[in-house]
């Protein structure tokens, strides 16, 4: 059985992607230095939220995902981040490749909501590998990448923030029901507000004023 060993060498934003994309650097080594013709590699990336501590301001932003902090001992469950795949060219010994991972900034997706809530530190990730390796010194055979092949990696929060800033400078997306959007449009039109930011600012100010009374 071909024994592939994986290492994550780093992660960086894709500078010219059509959408937000992270490039995970992978080093792949064949333990016995048998020639590898190619690898059809799949990777599931999972967030392990219990693997780090959280500042008070971060705790306040994570309630929609994990509930009250008193429950976190039972609610900090792994979150699905992404599935990605790549065809690794042939090599002997070891090789390095970039694994492109498309990302979303839709805050209704749990992973994006989690990333958005973090202000500093690192994000504990688990990369789980599968796929097919094509190998053989005197022939050609196909073998599965064993399901137990996985590695932990701590991605700096700044990498995510820099990627989002690159694709969506100083902006964010918010999805609402059509009837809510129609009501917001009527509110904006009735007050001749120049932007959606002014709509939300005025509504928040009105709520705060009522709360103060």
N, C-alpha and C. Protein backbone atom coordinates (compact mmCIF):
# COMPACT_ATOMS: atom_id res chain seq x y z
N UNK A 1 0.85 -1.20 0.00
CA UNK A 1 0.00 0.00 0.00
C UNK A 1 0.88 1.25 0.00
N UNK A 2 0.62 2.15 -0.92
CA UNK A 2 1.36 3.40 -0.99
C UNK A 2 1.05 4.26 0.24
N UNK A 3 2.10 4.74 0.89
CA UNK A 3 1.93 5.52 2.12
C UNK A 3 2.24 6.99 1.84
N UNK A 4 1.19 7.78 1.69
CA UNK A 4 1.36 9.22 1.47
C UNK A 4 1.29 9.96 2.80
N UNK A 5 2.22 10.89 2.98
CA UNK A 5 2.24 11.71 4.19
C UNK A 5 2.02 13.17 3.78
N UNK A 6 1.08 13.82 4.47
CA UNK A 6 0.67 15.17 4.10
C UNK A 6 1.12 16.18 5.15
N UNK A 7 1.52 17.35 4.67
CA UNK A 7 1.85 18.49 5.53
C UNK A 7 1.28 19.74 4.91
N UNK A 8 0.66 20.59 5.72
CA UNK A 8 0.20 21.90 5.24
C UNK A 8 1.31 22.91 5.49
N UNK A 9 1.83 23.50 4.43
CA UNK A 9 2.97 24.41 4.55
C UNK A 9 2.57 25.87 4.71
N UNK A 10 1.28 26.18 4.56
CA UNK A 10 0.82 27.56 4.70
C UNK A 10 -0.45 27.79 3.91
N UNK A 11 -1.00 28.97 4.02
CA UNK A 11 -2.22 29.33 3.29
C UNK A 11 -2.16 30.81 2.95
N UNK A 12 -2.67 31.14 1.77
CA UNK A 12 -2.66 32.53 1.32
C UNK A 12 -3.87 32.76 0.40
N UNK A 13 -4.32 34.01 0.26
CA UNK A 13 -5.42 34.28 -0.68
C UNK A 13 -4.96 34.12 -2.12
N UNK A 14 -5.86 33.62 -2.96
CA UNK A 14 -5.62 33.59 -4.40
C UNK A 14 -5.77 35.01 -4.93
N UNK A 15 -4.72 35.61 -5.51
CA UNK A 15 -4.79 37.03 -5.88
C UNK A 15 -5.67 37.33 -7.09
N UNK A 16 -5.91 36.33 -7.96
CA UNK A 16 -6.61 36.62 -9.21
C UNK A 16 -7.82 35.71 -9.43
N UNK A 17 -8.42 35.23 -8.35
CA UNK A 17 -9.56 34.33 -8.48
C UNK A 17 -10.82 35.07 -8.89
N UNK A 18 -11.76 34.33 -9.50
CA UNK A 18 -13.05 34.92 -9.87
C UNK A 18 -13.89 35.21 -8.63
N UNK A 19 -13.62 34.51 -7.54
CA UNK A 19 -14.30 34.72 -6.27
C UNK A 19 -13.34 34.44 -5.15
N UNK A 20 -13.75 34.68 -3.91
CA UNK A 20 -12.85 34.46 -2.77
C UNK A 20 -12.32 33.03 -2.74
N UNK A 21 -11.02 32.90 -2.76
CA UNK A 21 -10.37 31.58 -2.80
C UNK A 21 -9.11 31.61 -1.95
N UNK A 22 -8.93 30.56 -1.16
CA UNK A 22 -7.70 30.38 -0.39
C UNK A 22 -6.88 29.27 -1.03
N UNK A 23 -5.56 29.45 -1.04
CA UNK A 23 -4.64 28.44 -1.54
C UNK A 23 -3.92 27.80 -0.36
N UNK A 24 -4.20 26.54 -0.10
CA UNK A 24 -3.52 25.81 0.95
C UNK A 24 -2.31 25.09 0.34
N UNK A 25 -1.12 25.41 0.82
CA UNK A 25 0.07 24.74 0.36
C UNK A 25 0.19 23.36 0.98
N UNK A 26 0.32 22.33 0.15
CA UNK A 26 0.44 20.96 0.64
C UNK A 26 1.77 20.36 0.21
N UNK A 27 2.45 19.72 1.15
CA UNK A 27 3.61 18.90 0.82
C UNK A 27 3.19 17.45 0.95
N UNK A 28 3.39 16.68 -0.12
CA UNK A 28 2.98 15.28 -0.16
C UNK A 28 4.23 14.43 -0.34
N UNK A 29 4.43 13.52 0.57
CA UNK A 29 5.61 12.66 0.51
C UNK A 29 5.18 11.19 0.47
N UNK A 30 5.81 10.41 -0.42
CA UNK A 30 5.60 8.98 -0.46
C UNK A 30 6.68 8.34 0.40
N UNK A 31 6.26 7.67 1.47
CA UNK A 31 7.20 7.24 2.51
C UNK A 31 8.33 6.37 1.98
N UNK A 32 8.06 5.48 1.02
CA UNK A 32 9.08 4.57 0.49
C UNK A 32 9.74 5.09 -0.78
N UNK A 33 9.40 6.32 -1.15
CA UNK A 33 9.94 6.95 -2.36
C UNK A 33 9.69 6.11 -3.61
N UNK A 34 8.53 5.46 -3.63
CA UNK A 34 8.07 4.79 -4.83
C UNK A 34 7.54 5.85 -5.81
N UNK A 35 7.71 5.65 -7.11
CA UNK A 35 7.19 6.64 -8.06
C UNK A 35 5.67 6.72 -8.02
N UNK A 36 5.15 7.91 -7.99
CA UNK A 36 3.72 8.17 -8.02
C UNK A 36 3.39 8.81 -9.36
N UNK A 37 2.50 8.18 -10.12
CA UNK A 37 2.15 8.70 -11.44
C UNK A 37 1.21 9.90 -11.36
N UNK A 38 0.28 9.86 -10.40
CA UNK A 38 -0.67 10.97 -10.20
C UNK A 38 -1.50 10.65 -8.96
N UNK A 39 -2.14 11.69 -8.42
CA UNK A 39 -3.06 11.52 -7.29
C UNK A 39 -4.32 12.32 -7.59
N UNK A 40 -5.46 11.65 -7.61
CA UNK A 40 -6.75 12.35 -7.66
C UNK A 40 -7.16 12.58 -6.21
N UNK A 41 -6.83 13.77 -5.71
CA UNK A 41 -6.92 14.04 -4.27
C UNK A 41 -8.17 14.83 -3.93
N UNK A 42 -8.87 14.37 -2.90
CA UNK A 42 -10.00 15.10 -2.34
C UNK A 42 -9.68 15.48 -0.91
N UNK A 43 -10.20 16.62 -0.50
CA UNK A 43 -9.92 17.10 0.86
C UNK A 43 -11.17 17.74 1.45
N UNK A 44 -11.55 17.26 2.62
CA UNK A 44 -12.61 17.89 3.41
C UNK A 44 -11.93 18.72 4.49
N UNK A 45 -12.32 19.98 4.61
CA UNK A 45 -11.73 20.86 5.62
C UNK A 45 -12.79 21.20 6.65
N UNK A 46 -12.44 20.95 7.90
CA UNK A 46 -13.38 21.11 9.00
C UNK A 46 -12.82 22.09 10.02
N UNK A 47 -13.69 22.91 10.59
CA UNK A 47 -13.31 23.84 11.65
C UNK A 47 -13.50 23.14 12.99
N UNK A 48 -12.49 23.26 13.87
CA UNK A 48 -12.55 22.65 15.20
C UNK A 48 -12.64 23.79 16.24
N UNK A 49 -13.83 24.35 16.47
CA UNK A 49 -13.95 25.55 17.31
C UNK A 49 -13.51 25.36 18.75
N UNK A 50 -13.52 24.14 19.25
CA UNK A 50 -13.09 23.90 20.63
C UNK A 50 -11.57 23.99 20.78
N UNK A 51 -10.87 24.16 19.68
CA UNK A 51 -9.41 24.16 19.71
C UNK A 51 -8.77 25.51 19.98
N UNK A 52 -9.56 26.51 20.40
CA UNK A 52 -8.99 27.83 20.71
C UNK A 52 -9.85 28.52 21.77
N UNK A 53 -9.26 29.57 22.37
CA UNK A 53 -9.99 30.39 23.33
C UNK A 53 -10.58 31.60 22.60
N UNK A 54 -11.56 32.27 23.25
CA UNK A 54 -12.27 33.38 22.62
C UNK A 54 -12.30 34.59 23.54
N UNK A 55 -12.05 35.76 22.94
CA UNK A 55 -12.12 37.02 23.68
C UNK A 55 -13.60 37.37 23.91
N UNK A 56 -13.88 38.23 24.92
CA UNK A 56 -15.29 38.59 25.19
C UNK A 56 -16.02 39.14 23.98
N UNK A 57 -15.35 39.96 23.15
CA UNK A 57 -16.04 40.51 21.99
C UNK A 57 -16.35 39.42 20.97
N UNK A 58 -15.50 38.39 20.88
CA UNK A 58 -15.78 37.28 19.98
C UNK A 58 -16.94 36.42 20.51
N UNK A 59 -16.97 36.23 21.82
CA UNK A 59 -18.06 35.46 22.43
C UNK A 59 -19.41 36.08 22.08
N UNK A 60 -19.47 37.41 22.12
CA UNK A 60 -20.72 38.09 21.82
C UNK A 60 -21.18 37.93 20.39
N UNK A 61 -20.26 37.59 19.48
CA UNK A 61 -20.60 37.44 18.06
C UNK A 61 -20.90 35.98 17.68
N UNK A 62 -20.72 35.06 18.62
CA UNK A 62 -20.85 33.65 18.30
C UNK A 62 -22.11 33.01 18.89
N UNK A 63 -22.95 33.80 19.50
CA UNK A 63 -24.15 33.26 20.13
C UNK A 63 -25.09 32.58 19.15
N UNK A 64 -25.17 33.07 17.91
CA UNK A 64 -26.08 32.47 16.93
C UNK A 64 -25.61 31.08 16.51
N UNK A 65 -24.31 30.79 16.70
CA UNK A 65 -23.79 29.48 16.32
C UNK A 65 -23.77 28.49 17.49
N UNK A 66 -23.38 28.97 18.67
CA UNK A 66 -23.13 28.06 19.78
C UNK A 66 -23.98 28.31 21.01
N UNK A 67 -24.84 29.33 20.98
CA UNK A 67 -25.69 29.61 22.12
C UNK A 67 -24.95 30.34 23.23
N UNK A 68 -25.51 30.30 24.42
CA UNK A 68 -24.90 30.97 25.57
C UNK A 68 -23.57 30.31 25.94
N UNK A 69 -22.58 31.13 26.38
CA UNK A 69 -21.26 30.57 26.73
C UNK A 69 -21.33 29.44 27.74
N UNK A 70 -22.34 29.45 28.62
CA UNK A 70 -22.47 28.38 29.61
C UNK A 70 -22.71 27.02 28.96
N UNK A 71 -23.16 27.01 27.71
CA UNK A 71 -23.45 25.75 27.02
C UNK A 71 -22.32 25.32 26.10
N UNK A 72 -21.27 26.10 26.01
CA UNK A 72 -20.25 25.84 25.01
C UNK A 72 -19.53 24.51 25.22
N UNK A 73 -19.51 24.00 26.42
CA UNK A 73 -18.85 22.72 26.65
C UNK A 73 -19.50 21.61 25.83
N UNK A 74 -20.77 21.79 25.46
CA UNK A 74 -21.47 20.78 24.67
C UNK A 74 -21.84 21.24 23.27
N UNK A 75 -21.73 22.55 22.97
CA UNK A 75 -22.17 23.06 21.67
C UNK A 75 -21.02 23.40 20.73
N UNK A 76 -19.78 23.44 21.21
CA UNK A 76 -18.65 23.77 20.33
C UNK A 76 -18.30 22.55 19.47
N UNK A 77 -19.18 22.23 18.55
CA UNK A 77 -18.99 21.07 17.68
C UNK A 77 -18.27 21.50 16.39
N UNK A 78 -17.60 20.55 15.73
CA UNK A 78 -16.94 20.88 14.45
C UNK A 78 -17.92 21.44 13.43
N UNK A 79 -17.41 22.36 12.60
CA UNK A 79 -18.20 22.99 11.54
C UNK A 79 -17.58 22.63 10.19
N UNK A 80 -18.43 22.36 9.23
CA UNK A 80 -17.94 22.10 7.88
C UNK A 80 -17.46 23.41 7.24
N UNK A 81 -16.25 23.41 6.71
CA UNK A 81 -15.73 24.59 6.02
C UNK A 81 -15.83 24.42 4.51
N UNK A 82 -15.20 23.38 3.96
CA UNK A 82 -15.16 23.27 2.50
C UNK A 82 -14.80 21.86 2.08
N UNK A 83 -15.15 21.54 0.82
CA UNK A 83 -14.63 20.37 0.11
C UNK A 83 -13.84 20.89 -1.08
N UNK A 84 -12.68 20.30 -1.32
CA UNK A 84 -11.85 20.73 -2.44
C UNK A 84 -11.19 19.51 -3.06
N UNK A 85 -10.79 19.64 -4.31
CA UNK A 85 -10.12 18.52 -4.98
C UNK A 85 -9.07 19.06 -5.94
N UNK A 86 -8.10 18.22 -6.24
CA UNK A 86 -7.01 18.60 -7.13
C UNK A 86 -6.38 17.35 -7.70
N UNK A 87 -5.86 17.43 -8.92
CA UNK A 87 -5.07 16.35 -9.50
C UNK A 87 -3.59 16.67 -9.31
N UNK A 88 -2.91 15.85 -8.56
CA UNK A 88 -1.50 16.06 -8.27
C UNK A 88 -0.66 15.37 -9.35
N UNK A 89 0.23 16.10 -10.04
CA UNK A 89 1.07 15.47 -11.07
C UNK A 89 2.02 14.44 -10.46
N UNK A 90 2.59 13.62 -11.33
CA UNK A 90 3.48 12.57 -10.90
C UNK A 90 4.72 13.09 -10.20
N UNK A 91 5.26 12.28 -9.29
CA UNK A 91 6.47 12.66 -8.56
C UNK A 91 7.11 11.41 -7.97
N UNK A 92 8.34 11.56 -7.57
CA UNK A 92 9.05 10.53 -6.83
C UNK A 92 9.62 11.17 -5.57
N UNK A 93 9.31 10.61 -4.44
CA UNK A 93 9.80 11.17 -3.18
C UNK A 93 8.78 12.10 -2.57
N UNK A 94 8.80 13.36 -3.00
CA UNK A 94 7.88 14.36 -2.42
C UNK A 94 7.59 15.44 -3.45
N UNK A 95 6.49 16.12 -3.26
CA UNK A 95 6.11 17.24 -4.13
C UNK A 95 5.32 18.24 -3.32
N UNK A 96 5.18 19.45 -3.86
CA UNK A 96 4.38 20.48 -3.22
C UNK A 96 3.39 21.05 -4.23
N UNK A 97 2.15 21.22 -3.79
CA UNK A 97 1.09 21.74 -4.65
C UNK A 97 0.24 22.73 -3.85
N UNK A 98 -0.51 23.54 -4.57
CA UNK A 98 -1.49 24.44 -3.95
C UNK A 98 -2.88 23.86 -4.13
N UNK A 99 -3.62 23.76 -3.03
CA UNK A 99 -5.00 23.27 -3.07
C UNK A 99 -5.94 24.47 -3.04
N UNK A 100 -6.64 24.79 -4.14
CA UNK A 100 -7.57 25.92 -4.15
C UNK A 100 -8.85 25.58 -3.38
N UNK A 101 -9.23 26.46 -2.48
CA UNK A 101 -10.43 26.25 -1.68
C UNK A 101 -11.36 27.46 -1.85
N UNK A 102 -12.44 27.32 -2.63
CA UNK A 102 -13.39 28.42 -2.77
C UNK A 102 -14.07 28.72 -1.44
N UNK A 103 -14.30 30.01 -1.17
CA UNK A 103 -14.89 30.44 0.10
C UNK A 103 -16.13 31.27 -0.16
N UNK A 104 -16.92 31.43 0.87
CA UNK A 104 -18.12 32.26 0.78
C UNK A 104 -18.09 33.31 1.88
N UNK A 105 -18.73 34.47 1.59
CA UNK A 105 -18.87 35.49 2.62
C UNK A 105 -20.33 35.61 3.04
N UNK A 106 -21.14 34.62 2.67
CA UNK A 106 -22.55 34.58 3.07
C UNK A 106 -22.60 34.25 4.56
N UNK A 107 -22.97 35.22 5.38
CA UNK A 107 -22.93 35.02 6.83
C UNK A 107 -24.03 34.09 7.33
N UNK A 108 -24.91 33.61 6.44
CA UNK A 108 -25.86 32.58 6.84
C UNK A 108 -25.23 31.19 6.75
N UNK A 109 -24.05 31.10 6.14
CA UNK A 109 -23.28 29.86 6.16
C UNK A 109 -22.46 29.85 7.44
N UNK A 110 -22.52 28.74 8.17
CA UNK A 110 -21.92 28.69 9.51
C UNK A 110 -20.44 29.03 9.50
N UNK A 111 -19.68 28.51 8.52
CA UNK A 111 -18.24 28.75 8.52
C UNK A 111 -17.93 30.23 8.34
N UNK A 112 -18.63 30.91 7.42
CA UNK A 112 -18.39 32.33 7.20
C UNK A 112 -18.79 33.16 8.41
N UNK A 113 -19.90 32.78 9.05
CA UNK A 113 -20.33 33.48 10.26
C UNK A 113 -19.29 33.33 11.37
N UNK A 114 -18.71 32.13 11.48
CA UNK A 114 -17.68 31.88 12.49
C UNK A 114 -16.43 32.73 12.20
N UNK A 115 -15.96 32.70 10.96
CA UNK A 115 -14.76 33.47 10.61
C UNK A 115 -14.97 34.96 10.86
N UNK A 116 -16.15 35.44 10.50
CA UNK A 116 -16.45 36.87 10.63
C UNK A 116 -16.44 37.30 12.09
N UNK A 117 -16.74 36.38 13.00
CA UNK A 117 -16.82 36.73 14.42
C UNK A 117 -15.44 36.86 15.07
N UNK A 118 -14.42 36.32 14.44
CA UNK A 118 -13.09 36.30 15.06
C UNK A 118 -12.32 37.57 14.72
N UNK A 119 -11.65 38.11 15.72
CA UNK A 119 -10.91 39.35 15.51
C UNK A 119 -9.40 39.15 15.49
N UNK A 120 -8.93 38.03 16.01
CA UNK A 120 -7.47 37.83 16.08
C UNK A 120 -7.18 36.34 16.32
N UNK A 121 -5.90 36.00 16.32
CA UNK A 121 -5.52 34.64 16.64
C UNK A 121 -5.53 33.73 15.44
N UNK A 122 -5.81 32.46 15.69
CA UNK A 122 -5.77 31.43 14.66
C UNK A 122 -7.06 30.61 14.64
N UNK A 123 -7.33 30.01 13.49
CA UNK A 123 -8.51 29.19 13.31
C UNK A 123 -8.07 27.73 13.25
N UNK A 124 -8.48 26.89 14.20
CA UNK A 124 -8.07 25.48 14.17
C UNK A 124 -8.84 24.71 13.10
N UNK A 125 -8.10 24.16 12.15
CA UNK A 125 -8.70 23.40 11.05
C UNK A 125 -8.21 21.96 11.07
N UNK A 126 -9.03 21.09 10.50
CA UNK A 126 -8.65 19.70 10.31
C UNK A 126 -8.86 19.36 8.84
N UNK A 127 -7.80 18.94 8.15
CA UNK A 127 -7.87 18.57 6.74
C UNK A 127 -7.90 17.04 6.65
N UNK A 128 -8.98 16.51 6.06
CA UNK A 128 -9.17 15.07 5.94
C UNK A 128 -9.09 14.69 4.46
N UNK A 129 -8.19 13.76 4.15
CA UNK A 129 -7.89 13.44 2.76
C UNK A 129 -8.52 12.12 2.34
N UNK A 130 -8.85 12.04 1.05
CA UNK A 130 -9.30 10.81 0.42
C UNK A 130 -8.97 10.94 -1.06
N UNK A 131 -9.34 9.92 -1.84
CA UNK A 131 -9.06 9.98 -3.26
C UNK A 131 -8.38 8.72 -3.75
N UNK A 132 -7.67 8.83 -4.88
CA UNK A 132 -7.03 7.69 -5.51
C UNK A 132 -5.60 8.06 -5.90
N UNK A 133 -4.67 7.16 -5.58
CA UNK A 133 -3.27 7.37 -5.96
C UNK A 133 -2.91 6.32 -7.01
N UNK A 134 -2.25 6.78 -8.09
CA UNK A 134 -1.83 5.90 -9.19
C UNK A 134 -0.32 5.75 -9.10
N UNK A 135 0.13 4.53 -8.92
CA UNK A 135 1.54 4.32 -8.61
C UNK A 135 2.03 3.02 -9.23
N UNK A 136 3.30 2.68 -8.99
CA UNK A 136 3.88 1.44 -9.49
C UNK A 136 5.22 1.69 -10.16
N UNK A 137 6.27 0.97 -9.73
CA UNK A 137 7.58 1.14 -10.33
C UNK A 137 7.69 0.38 -11.65
N UNK A 138 7.13 -0.81 -11.69
CA UNK A 138 7.23 -1.63 -12.90
C UNK A 138 5.88 -1.80 -13.59
N UNK A 139 4.90 -1.11 -13.13
CA UNK A 139 3.58 -1.23 -13.71
C UNK A 139 2.73 -0.03 -13.30
N UNK A 140 1.43 -0.26 -13.30
CA UNK A 140 0.50 0.84 -13.02
C UNK A 140 -0.65 0.26 -12.21
N UNK A 141 -0.85 0.82 -11.01
CA UNK A 141 -1.97 0.35 -10.19
C UNK A 141 -2.63 1.55 -9.50
N UNK A 142 -3.89 1.37 -9.14
CA UNK A 142 -4.66 2.41 -8.47
C UNK A 142 -4.98 1.94 -7.05
N UNK A 143 -4.75 2.82 -6.10
CA UNK A 143 -5.02 2.51 -4.71
C UNK A 143 -5.77 3.67 -4.08
N UNK A 144 -6.64 3.41 -3.09
CA UNK A 144 -7.32 4.50 -2.41
C UNK A 144 -6.39 5.22 -1.44
N UNK A 145 -6.59 6.52 -1.29
CA UNK A 145 -5.93 7.25 -0.21
C UNK A 145 -6.67 6.89 1.07
N UNK A 146 -6.00 6.30 2.07
CA UNK A 146 -6.71 5.84 3.27
C UNK A 146 -7.47 6.97 3.96
N UNK A 147 -8.65 6.64 4.51
CA UNK A 147 -9.51 7.63 5.16
C UNK A 147 -8.89 8.21 6.42
N UNK A 148 -7.91 7.51 7.00
CA UNK A 148 -7.33 8.03 8.24
C UNK A 148 -6.29 9.11 7.99
N UNK A 149 -6.01 9.43 6.73
CA UNK A 149 -5.03 10.46 6.44
C UNK A 149 -5.63 11.84 6.72
N UNK A 150 -5.12 12.51 7.74
CA UNK A 150 -5.61 13.84 8.11
C UNK A 150 -4.51 14.61 8.80
N UNK A 151 -4.61 15.94 8.75
CA UNK A 151 -3.63 16.80 9.42
C UNK A 151 -4.36 18.00 10.02
N UNK A 152 -3.83 18.48 11.12
CA UNK A 152 -4.35 19.69 11.75
C UNK A 152 -3.54 20.88 11.27
N UNK A 153 -4.20 22.01 11.12
CA UNK A 153 -3.52 23.24 10.72
C UNK A 153 -4.24 24.43 11.35
N UNK A 154 -3.47 25.40 11.83
CA UNK A 154 -4.04 26.59 12.45
C UNK A 154 -3.85 27.77 11.49
N UNK A 155 -4.95 28.19 10.89
CA UNK A 155 -4.91 29.27 9.90
C UNK A 155 -5.04 30.62 10.60
N UNK A 156 -4.12 31.56 10.37
CA UNK A 156 -4.26 32.88 10.98
C UNK A 156 -5.56 33.57 10.54
N UNK A 157 -6.24 34.18 11.49
CA UNK A 157 -7.48 34.90 11.18
C UNK A 157 -7.21 35.99 10.15
N UNK A 158 -6.04 36.62 10.20
CA UNK A 158 -5.72 37.70 9.27
C UNK A 158 -5.72 37.23 7.82
N UNK A 159 -5.42 35.96 7.58
CA UNK A 159 -5.44 35.46 6.20
C UNK A 159 -6.86 35.54 5.65
N UNK A 160 -7.83 35.11 6.45
CA UNK A 160 -9.24 35.19 6.03
C UNK A 160 -9.65 36.65 5.84
N UNK A 161 -9.33 37.50 6.79
CA UNK A 161 -9.74 38.89 6.71
C UNK A 161 -9.11 39.59 5.49
N UNK A 162 -7.85 39.31 5.22
CA UNK A 162 -7.19 39.92 4.06
C UNK A 162 -7.82 39.46 2.76
N UNK A 163 -8.22 38.20 2.69
CA UNK A 163 -8.88 37.70 1.48
C UNK A 163 -10.21 38.40 1.26
N UNK A 164 -11.03 38.49 2.31
CA UNK A 164 -12.33 39.14 2.17
C UNK A 164 -12.18 40.61 1.82
N UNK A 165 -11.21 41.28 2.42
CA UNK A 165 -10.98 42.70 2.10
C UNK A 165 -10.53 42.85 0.65
N UNK A 166 -9.80 41.86 0.15
CA UNK A 166 -9.34 41.91 -1.23
C UNK A 166 -10.50 41.82 -2.22
N UNK A 167 -11.49 40.97 -1.91
CA UNK A 167 -12.60 40.76 -2.83
C UNK A 167 -13.79 41.67 -2.55
N UNK A 168 -14.01 42.02 -1.28
CA UNK A 168 -15.15 42.88 -0.90
C UNK A 168 -14.66 43.99 0.02
N UNK A 169 -13.97 44.99 -0.52
CA UNK A 169 -13.39 46.05 0.33
C UNK A 169 -14.45 46.77 1.15
N UNK A 170 -14.28 46.76 2.48
CA UNK A 170 -15.12 47.51 3.40
C UNK A 170 -16.61 47.32 3.12
N UNK A 171 -17.00 46.08 2.86
CA UNK A 171 -18.42 45.81 2.57
C UNK A 171 -18.78 44.41 3.03
N UNK A 172 -20.09 44.15 3.08
CA UNK A 172 -20.58 42.84 3.50
C UNK A 172 -21.91 42.59 2.81
N UNK A 173 -22.39 41.36 2.88
CA UNK A 173 -23.63 40.97 2.23
C UNK A 173 -24.65 40.55 3.29
N UNK A 174 -25.91 40.91 3.02
CA UNK A 174 -26.98 40.56 3.94
C UNK A 174 -28.19 40.12 3.12
N UNK A 175 -28.71 38.90 3.40
CA UNK A 175 -29.87 38.39 2.66
C UNK A 175 -31.10 38.50 3.54
N UNK A 176 -32.21 39.01 2.98
CA UNK A 176 -33.47 39.14 3.71
C UNK A 176 -34.60 38.64 2.82
N UNK A 177 -35.76 38.35 3.44
CA UNK A 177 -36.93 37.94 2.67
C UNK A 177 -37.40 39.10 1.80
N UNK A 178 -38.09 38.77 0.72
CA UNK A 178 -38.55 39.80 -0.22
C UNK A 178 -39.50 40.78 0.44
N UNK A 179 -40.40 40.29 1.32
CA UNK A 179 -41.34 41.21 1.95
C UNK A 179 -40.62 42.17 2.89
N UNK A 180 -39.55 41.69 3.54
CA UNK A 180 -38.76 42.58 4.40
C UNK A 180 -38.02 43.61 3.55
N UNK A 181 -37.47 43.18 2.41
CA UNK A 181 -36.79 44.12 1.52
C UNK A 181 -37.75 45.18 1.00
N UNK A 182 -38.99 44.76 0.65
CA UNK A 182 -39.98 45.74 0.18
C UNK A 182 -40.29 46.76 1.27
N UNK A 183 -40.42 46.29 2.51
CA UNK A 183 -40.68 47.21 3.62
C UNK A 183 -39.51 48.18 3.82
N UNK A 184 -38.30 47.68 3.69
CA UNK A 184 -37.13 48.56 3.82
C UNK A 184 -37.07 49.58 2.69
N UNK A 185 -37.45 49.15 1.49
CA UNK A 185 -37.47 50.09 0.36
C UNK A 185 -38.49 51.21 0.59
N UNK A 186 -39.67 50.82 1.10
CA UNK A 186 -40.68 51.85 1.37
C UNK A 186 -40.17 52.82 2.45
N UNK A 187 -39.52 52.26 3.46
CA UNK A 187 -38.96 53.11 4.54
C UNK A 187 -37.92 54.06 3.97
N UNK A 188 -37.05 53.55 3.11
CA UNK A 188 -36.01 54.39 2.52
C UNK A 188 -36.60 55.48 1.63
N UNK A 189 -37.58 55.10 0.81
CA UNK A 189 -38.18 56.07 -0.10
C UNK A 189 -38.94 57.16 0.65
N UNK A 190 -39.67 56.77 1.69
CA UNK A 190 -40.47 57.75 2.43
C UNK A 190 -39.60 58.80 3.12
N UNK A 191 -38.37 58.46 3.41
CA UNK A 191 -37.46 59.39 4.09
C UNK A 191 -36.36 59.91 3.18
N UNK A 192 -36.40 59.51 1.90
CA UNK A 192 -35.42 59.95 0.91
C UNK A 192 -33.98 59.72 1.39
N UNK A 193 -33.74 58.56 1.97
CA UNK A 193 -32.40 58.24 2.47
C UNK A 193 -31.50 57.85 1.30
N UNK A 194 -30.27 58.34 1.26
CA UNK A 194 -29.41 58.16 0.08
C UNK A 194 -28.77 56.78 -0.04
N UNK A 195 -28.76 55.98 1.02
CA UNK A 195 -28.07 54.69 0.96
C UNK A 195 -28.69 53.71 1.95
N UNK A 196 -28.40 52.43 1.73
CA UNK A 196 -28.87 51.42 2.67
C UNK A 196 -28.20 51.56 4.02
N UNK A 197 -26.97 52.03 4.03
CA UNK A 197 -26.30 52.26 5.31
C UNK A 197 -27.09 53.25 6.17
N UNK A 198 -27.62 54.31 5.54
CA UNK A 198 -28.39 55.30 6.28
C UNK A 198 -29.69 54.69 6.79
N UNK A 199 -30.28 53.77 6.03
CA UNK A 199 -31.50 53.11 6.49
C UNK A 199 -31.24 52.36 7.78
N UNK A 200 -30.19 51.55 7.78
CA UNK A 200 -29.88 50.74 8.98
C UNK A 200 -29.43 51.62 10.14
N UNK A 201 -28.65 52.66 9.84
CA UNK A 201 -28.20 53.56 10.91
C UNK A 201 -29.39 54.25 11.57
N UNK A 202 -30.38 54.68 10.76
CA UNK A 202 -31.54 55.37 11.32
C UNK A 202 -32.40 54.41 12.14
N UNK A 203 -32.57 53.18 11.64
CA UNK A 203 -33.35 52.20 12.38
C UNK A 203 -32.67 51.83 13.71
N UNK A 204 -31.35 51.65 13.68
CA UNK A 204 -30.61 51.33 14.90
C UNK A 204 -30.69 52.49 15.89
N UNK A 205 -30.54 53.73 15.37
CA UNK A 205 -30.61 54.89 16.26
C UNK A 205 -31.99 55.00 16.90
N UNK A 206 -33.04 54.70 16.12
CA UNK A 206 -34.40 54.76 16.66
C UNK A 206 -34.60 53.70 17.75
N UNK A 207 -34.06 52.50 17.53
CA UNK A 207 -34.18 51.43 18.52
C UNK A 207 -33.43 51.79 19.79
N UNK A 208 -32.24 52.36 19.66
CA UNK A 208 -31.45 52.74 20.82
C UNK A 208 -32.15 53.84 21.61
N UNK A 209 -32.77 54.79 20.90
CA UNK A 209 -33.49 55.87 21.57
C UNK A 209 -34.68 55.35 22.37
N UNK A 210 -35.38 54.37 21.78
CA UNK A 210 -36.52 53.78 22.50
C UNK A 210 -36.03 53.01 23.72
N UNK A 211 -34.88 52.33 23.57
CA UNK A 211 -34.33 51.60 24.69
C UNK A 211 -33.91 52.52 25.81
N UNK A 212 -33.39 53.70 25.47
CA UNK A 212 -32.96 54.64 26.49
C UNK A 212 -34.13 55.21 27.26
N UNK A 213 -35.31 55.32 26.61
CA UNK A 213 -36.50 55.85 27.27
C UNK A 213 -37.05 54.85 28.26
